[in-house]
């Protein structure tokens, strides 16, 4: 089941994010954890969680899309997916698809008509997921502050 998260779900969503990053060999430091906690609790954040009973299996964070690569004003109708993470023990079981599908189904009720995201150019698992759920490369490529190549994907909010 996928649903909009509540404040008491933030620690479990953060744990999924932390576990997934650690499993990929990128354990977050305290500074990064604090930044993500702030993003998850932001008033304009849409945080969705995938659950089995009371256990959180995955999380997706969406927020208003902004111009100037996130530094500018909000762009009407644009939803930026800033995080999609699934607990490692659920990798490969379509949890990410469920999360993105849930957002796409509800994006219109939040005023969104387009979805966008950035992902690592070498993140094969994420690239397969995003293509499978209808995202296409926009042609934009950039680099993180650490020099990692990232690519932008876009799709209509309606499937």
C-alpha atoms as a PDB file:
ATOM      1  CA  UNK A   1       0.000   0.000   0.000  1.00  0.00           C
ATOM      2  CA  UNK A   2       1.246   3.493  -0.860  1.00  0.00           C
ATOM      3  CA  UNK A   3       0.008   6.554   0.981  1.00  0.00           C
ATOM      4  CA  UNK A   4       0.891  10.104   1.887  1.00  0.00           C
ATOM      5  CA  UNK A   5       3.168  10.079   4.924  1.00  0.00           C
ATOM      6  CA  UNK A   6       2.409  11.773   8.218  1.00  0.00           C
ATOM      7  CA  UNK A   7       4.856  13.364  10.632  1.00  0.00           C
ATOM      8  CA  UNK A   8       5.230  10.166  12.631  1.00  0.00           C
ATOM      9  CA  UNK A   9       6.365   8.377   9.432  1.00  0.00           C
ATOM     10  CA  UNK A  10       9.356  10.678   8.870  1.00  0.00           C
ATOM     11  CA  UNK A  11      11.831   8.605  10.934  1.00  0.00           C
ATOM     12  CA  UNK A  12      10.909   5.400   9.040  1.00  0.00           C
ATOM     13  CA  UNK A  13      11.197   7.168   5.669  1.00  0.00           C
ATOM     14  CA  UNK A  14      14.589   8.530   6.711  1.00  0.00           C
ATOM     15  CA  UNK A  15      15.664   5.015   7.733  1.00  0.00           C
ATOM     16  CA  UNK A  16      14.750   3.656   4.282  1.00  0.00           C
ATOM     17  CA  UNK A  17      16.801   6.427   2.664  1.00  0.00           C
ATOM     18  CA  UNK A  18      19.751   5.748   4.971  1.00  0.00           C
ATOM     19  CA  UNK A  19      19.624   1.944   4.474  1.00  0.00           C
ATOM     20  CA  UNK A  20      19.405   2.250   0.676  1.00  0.00           C
ATOM     21  CA  UNK A  21      22.348   4.657   0.527  1.00  0.00           C
ATOM     22  CA  UNK A  22      24.411   2.471   2.848  1.00  0.00           C
ATOM     23  CA  UNK A  23      23.649  -0.631   0.752  1.00  0.00           C
ATOM     24  CA  UNK A  24      24.896   1.253  -2.324  1.00  0.00           C
ATOM     25  CA  UNK A  25      28.163   2.004  -0.536  1.00  0.00           C
ATOM     26  CA  UNK A  26      27.275   5.626   0.232  1.00  0.00           C
ATOM     27  CA  UNK A  27      26.531   5.805   3.958  1.00  0.00           C
ATOM     28  CA  UNK A  28      25.387   9.354   4.757  1.00  0.00           C
ATOM     29  CA  UNK A  29      27.153  11.534   7.285  1.00  0.00           C
ATOM     30  CA  UNK A  30      25.378  13.504  10.023  1.00  0.00           C
ATOM     31  CA  UNK A  31      25.255  16.699   7.926  1.00  0.00           C
ATOM     32  CA  UNK A  32      23.565  14.960   5.006  1.00  0.00           C
ATOM     33  CA  UNK A  33      21.101  13.213   7.324  1.00  0.00           C
ATOM     34  CA  UNK A  34      20.128  16.587   8.818  1.00  0.00           C
ATOM     35  CA  UNK A  35      19.580  18.080   5.319  1.00  0.00           C
ATOM     36  CA  UNK A  36      17.340  15.182   4.320  1.00  0.00           C
ATOM     37  CA  UNK A  37      15.351  15.413   7.563  1.00  0.00           C
ATOM     38  CA  UNK A  38      14.684  19.069   6.776  1.00  0.00           C
ATOM     39  CA  UNK A  39      13.582  18.266   3.211  1.00  0.00           C
ATOM     40  CA  UNK A  40      11.226  15.498   4.358  1.00  0.00           C
ATOM     41  CA  UNK A  41       9.533  17.871   6.811  1.00  0.00           C
ATOM     42  CA  UNK A  42       9.260  20.864   4.456  1.00  0.00           C
ATOM     43  CA  UNK A  43       5.737  22.308   4.250  1.00  0.00           C
ATOM     44  CA  UNK A  44       5.558  21.976   0.441  1.00  0.00           C
ATOM     45  CA  UNK A  45       6.945  18.425   0.397  1.00  0.00           C
ATOM     46  CA  UNK A  46       4.837  15.504  -0.762  1.00  0.00           C
ATOM     47  CA  UNK A  47       6.247  12.460   0.993  1.00  0.00           C
ATOM     48  CA  UNK A  48       4.748   9.128  -0.009  1.00  0.00           C
ATOM     49  CA  UNK A  49       5.576   5.841   1.665  1.00  0.00           C
ATOM     50  CA  UNK A  50       5.050   2.252   0.548  1.00  0.00           C
ATOM     51  CA  UNK A  51       4.064   0.034   3.469  1.00  0.00           C
ATOM     52  CA  UNK A  52       3.444  -3.589   4.320  1.00  0.00           C
ATOM     53  CA  UNK A  53       1.504  -3.462   7.541  1.00  0.00           C
ATOM     54  CA  UNK A  54       3.380  -1.024   9.750  1.00  0.00           C
ATOM     55  CA  UNK A  55       6.737  -1.509   8.003  1.00  0.00           C
ATOM     56  CA  UNK A  56       7.860   1.221   5.571  1.00  0.00           C
ATOM     57  CA  UNK A  57       9.339  -0.402   2.451  1.00  0.00           C
ATOM     58  CA  UNK A  58      10.017   2.676   0.339  1.00  0.00           C
ATOM     59  CA  UNK A  59       9.683   6.438   0.128  1.00  0.00           C
ATOM     60  CA  UNK A  60       9.276   9.093  -2.534  1.00  0.00           C
ATOM     61  CA  UNK A  61       9.727  12.810  -1.963  1.00  0.00           C
ATOM     62  CA  UNK A  62       8.227  15.248  -4.454  1.00  0.00           C
ATOM     63  CA  UNK A  63       8.288  19.017  -4.309  1.00  0.00           C
ATOM     64  CA  UNK A  64       7.430  21.984  -6.505  1.00  0.00           C
ATOM     65  CA  UNK A  65       9.684  22.217  -9.541  1.00  0.00           C
ATOM     66  CA  UNK A  66      11.757  25.376  -9.741  1.00  0.00           C
ATOM     67  CA  UNK A  67      13.571  27.202 -12.512  1.00  0.00           C
ATOM     68  CA  UNK A  68      17.334  27.643 -12.653  1.00  0.00           C
ATOM     69  CA  UNK A  69      17.953  24.012 -11.663  1.00  0.00           C
ATOM     70  CA  UNK A  70      16.058  24.321  -8.411  1.00  0.00           C
ATOM     71  CA  UNK A  71      17.346  27.748  -7.403  1.00  0.00           C
ATOM     72  CA  UNK A  72      14.673  29.878  -9.074  1.00  0.00           C
ATOM     73  CA  UNK A  73      10.975  30.504  -8.687  1.00  0.00           C
ATOM     74  CA  UNK A  74       8.421  27.691  -8.678  1.00  0.00           C
ATOM     75  CA  UNK A  75       7.305  26.677 -12.165  1.00  0.00           C
ATOM     76  CA  UNK A  76       3.559  26.208 -12.603  1.00  0.00           C
ATOM     77  CA  UNK A  77       2.547  22.595 -13.010  1.00  0.00           C
ATOM     78  CA  UNK A  78       6.024  21.119 -12.523  1.00  0.00           C
ATOM     79  CA  UNK A  79       6.625  18.485  -9.859  1.00  0.00           C
ATOM     80  CA  UNK A  80      10.232  17.616  -9.040  1.00  0.00           C
ATOM     81  CA  UNK A  81      10.861  14.136  -7.669  1.00  0.00           C
ATOM     82  CA  UNK A  82      13.861  14.615  -5.459  1.00  0.00           C
ATOM     83  CA  UNK A  83      14.040  11.155  -3.866  1.00  0.00           C
ATOM     84  CA  UNK A  84      12.900   7.617  -4.576  1.00  0.00           C
ATOM     85  CA  UNK A  85      14.355   5.041  -2.202  1.00  0.00           C
ATOM     86  CA  UNK A  86      13.409   1.463  -1.443  1.00  0.00           C
ATOM     87  CA  UNK A  87      14.675  -0.599   1.467  1.00  0.00           C
ATOM     88  CA  UNK A  88      17.394  -2.939   0.089  1.00  0.00           C
ATOM     89  CA  UNK A  89      15.544  -6.099   1.123  1.00  0.00           C
ATOM     90  CA  UNK A  90      12.714  -5.018  -1.249  1.00  0.00           C
ATOM     91  CA  UNK A  91      14.871  -4.075  -4.254  1.00  0.00           C
ATOM     92  CA  UNK A  92      13.609  -5.535  -7.513  1.00  0.00           C
ATOM     93  CA  UNK A  93      10.038  -6.006  -6.252  1.00  0.00           C
ATOM     94  CA  UNK A  94       8.396  -3.025  -7.987  1.00  0.00           C
ATOM     95  CA  UNK A  95       8.090  -0.839  -4.866  1.00  0.00           C
ATOM     96  CA  UNK A  96       9.597   2.127  -6.756  1.00  0.00           C
ATOM     97  CA  UNK A  97       7.039   1.633  -9.543  1.00  0.00           C
ATOM     98  CA  UNK A  98       4.221   1.690  -7.011  1.00  0.00           C
ATOM     99  CA  UNK A  99       5.502   4.895  -5.441  1.00  0.00           C
ATOM    100  CA  UNK A 100       5.882   6.709  -8.760  1.00  0.00           C
ATOM    101  CA  UNK A 101       2.526   5.423  -9.998  1.00  0.00           C
ATOM    102  CA  UNK A 102       0.852   6.705  -6.849  1.00  0.00           C
ATOM    103  CA  UNK A 103       2.389  10.148  -7.299  1.00  0.00           C
ATOM    104  CA  UNK A 104       1.460  10.251 -10.995  1.00  0.00           C
ATOM    105  CA  UNK A 105      -2.133   9.320 -10.182  1.00  0.00           C
ATOM    106  CA  UNK A 106      -2.415  12.108  -7.611  1.00  0.00           C
ATOM    107  CA  UNK A 107      -0.210  14.789  -9.145  1.00  0.00           C
ATOM    108  CA  UNK A 108      -3.123  16.565 -10.818  1.00  0.00           C
ATOM    109  CA  UNK A 109      -4.914  17.059  -7.511  1.00  0.00           C
ATOM    110  CA  UNK A 110      -1.820  18.948  -6.344  1.00  0.00           C
ATOM    111  CA  UNK A 111      -1.730  21.109  -9.489  1.00  0.00           C
ATOM    112  CA  UNK A 112       1.036  19.197 -11.281  1.00  0.00           C
ATOM    113  CA  UNK A 113       0.933  18.252 -14.966  1.00  0.00           C
ATOM    114  CA  UNK A 114       4.620  17.380 -15.500  1.00  0.00           C
ATOM    115  CA  UNK A 115       7.098  15.330 -13.494  1.00  0.00           C
ATOM    116  CA  UNK A 116      10.878  15.622 -13.591  1.00  0.00           C
ATOM    117  CA  UNK A 117      13.824  14.080 -11.791  1.00  0.00           C
ATOM    118  CA  UNK A 118      17.586  13.761 -11.972  1.00  0.00           C
ATOM    119  CA  UNK A 119      19.497  10.545 -11.413  1.00  0.00           C
ATOM    120  CA  UNK A 120      23.036   9.305 -11.687  1.00  0.00           C
ATOM    121  CA  UNK A 121      24.061   8.538 -15.246  1.00  0.00           C
ATOM    122  CA  UNK A 122      25.556   5.264 -13.998  1.00  0.00           C
ATOM    123  CA  UNK A 123      22.658   4.271 -11.695  1.00  0.00           C
ATOM    124  CA  UNK A 124      21.408   1.391 -13.856  1.00  0.00           C
ATOM    125  CA  UNK A 125      18.725   0.277 -11.390  1.00  0.00           C
ATOM    126  CA  UNK A 126      17.179   3.769 -11.283  1.00  0.00           C
ATOM    127  CA  UNK A 127      17.506   4.266 -15.049  1.00  0.00           C
ATOM    128  CA  UNK A 128      15.581   1.024 -15.685  1.00  0.00           C
ATOM    129  CA  UNK A 129      12.886   2.005 -13.179  1.00  0.00           C
ATOM    130  CA  UNK A 130      12.323   5.474 -14.599  1.00  0.00           C
ATOM    131  CA  UNK A 131      12.125   4.231 -18.177  1.00  0.00           C
ATOM    132  CA  UNK A 132       9.734   1.454 -17.123  1.00  0.00           C
ATOM    133  CA  UNK A 133       7.303   3.986 -15.611  1.00  0.00           C
ATOM    134  CA  UNK A 134       7.275   6.293 -18.628  1.00  0.00           C
ATOM    135  CA  UNK A 135      10.074   8.768 -18.028  1.00  0.00           C
ATOM    136  CA  UNK A 136      12.242   9.773 -20.966  1.00  0.00           C
ATOM    137  CA  UNK A 137      15.595  11.563 -20.960  1.00  0.00           C
ATOM    138  CA  UNK A 138      15.182  15.310 -21.472  1.00  0.00           C
ATOM    139  CA  UNK A 139      18.642  15.574 -23.012  1.00  0.00           C
ATOM    140  CA  UNK A 140      19.952  17.576 -20.060  1.00  0.00           C
ATOM    141  CA  UNK A 141      23.086  16.313 -18.355  1.00  0.00           C
ATOM    142  CA  UNK A 142      24.831  17.922 -15.413  1.00  0.00           C
ATOM    143  CA  UNK A 143      27.258  17.117 -12.615  1.00  0.00           C
ATOM    144  CA  UNK A 144      26.874  17.090  -8.864  1.00  0.00           C
ATOM    145  CA  UNK A 145      29.223  19.131  -6.700  1.00  0.00           C
ATOM    146  CA  UNK A 146      31.232  15.933  -6.279  1.00  0.00           C
ATOM    147  CA  UNK A 147      31.587  15.558 -10.058  1.00  0.00           C
ATOM    148  CA  UNK A 148      29.109  12.697 -10.600  1.00  0.00           C
ATOM    149  CA  UNK A 149      27.319  12.826 -13.962  1.00  0.00           C
ATOM    150  CA  UNK A 150      23.526  13.109 -13.635  1.00  0.00           C
ATOM    151  CA  UNK A 151      20.785  13.013 -16.255  1.00  0.00           C
ATOM    152  CA  UNK A 152      17.331  14.556 -16.230  1.00  0.00           C
ATOM    153  CA  UNK A 153      14.176  12.554 -16.984  1.00  0.00           C
ATOM    154  CA  UNK A 154      10.676  13.918 -17.626  1.00  0.00           C
ATOM    155  CA  UNK A 155       7.135  12.666 -18.185  1.00  0.00           C
ATOM    156  CA  UNK A 156       3.565  13.819 -18.090  1.00  0.00           C
ATOM    157  CA  UNK A 157       1.880  13.474 -14.713  1.00  0.00           C
ATOM    158  CA  UNK A 158      -1.025  11.664 -16.369  1.00  0.00           C
ATOM    159  CA  UNK A 159      -0.132   8.155 -17.523  1.00  0.00           C
END
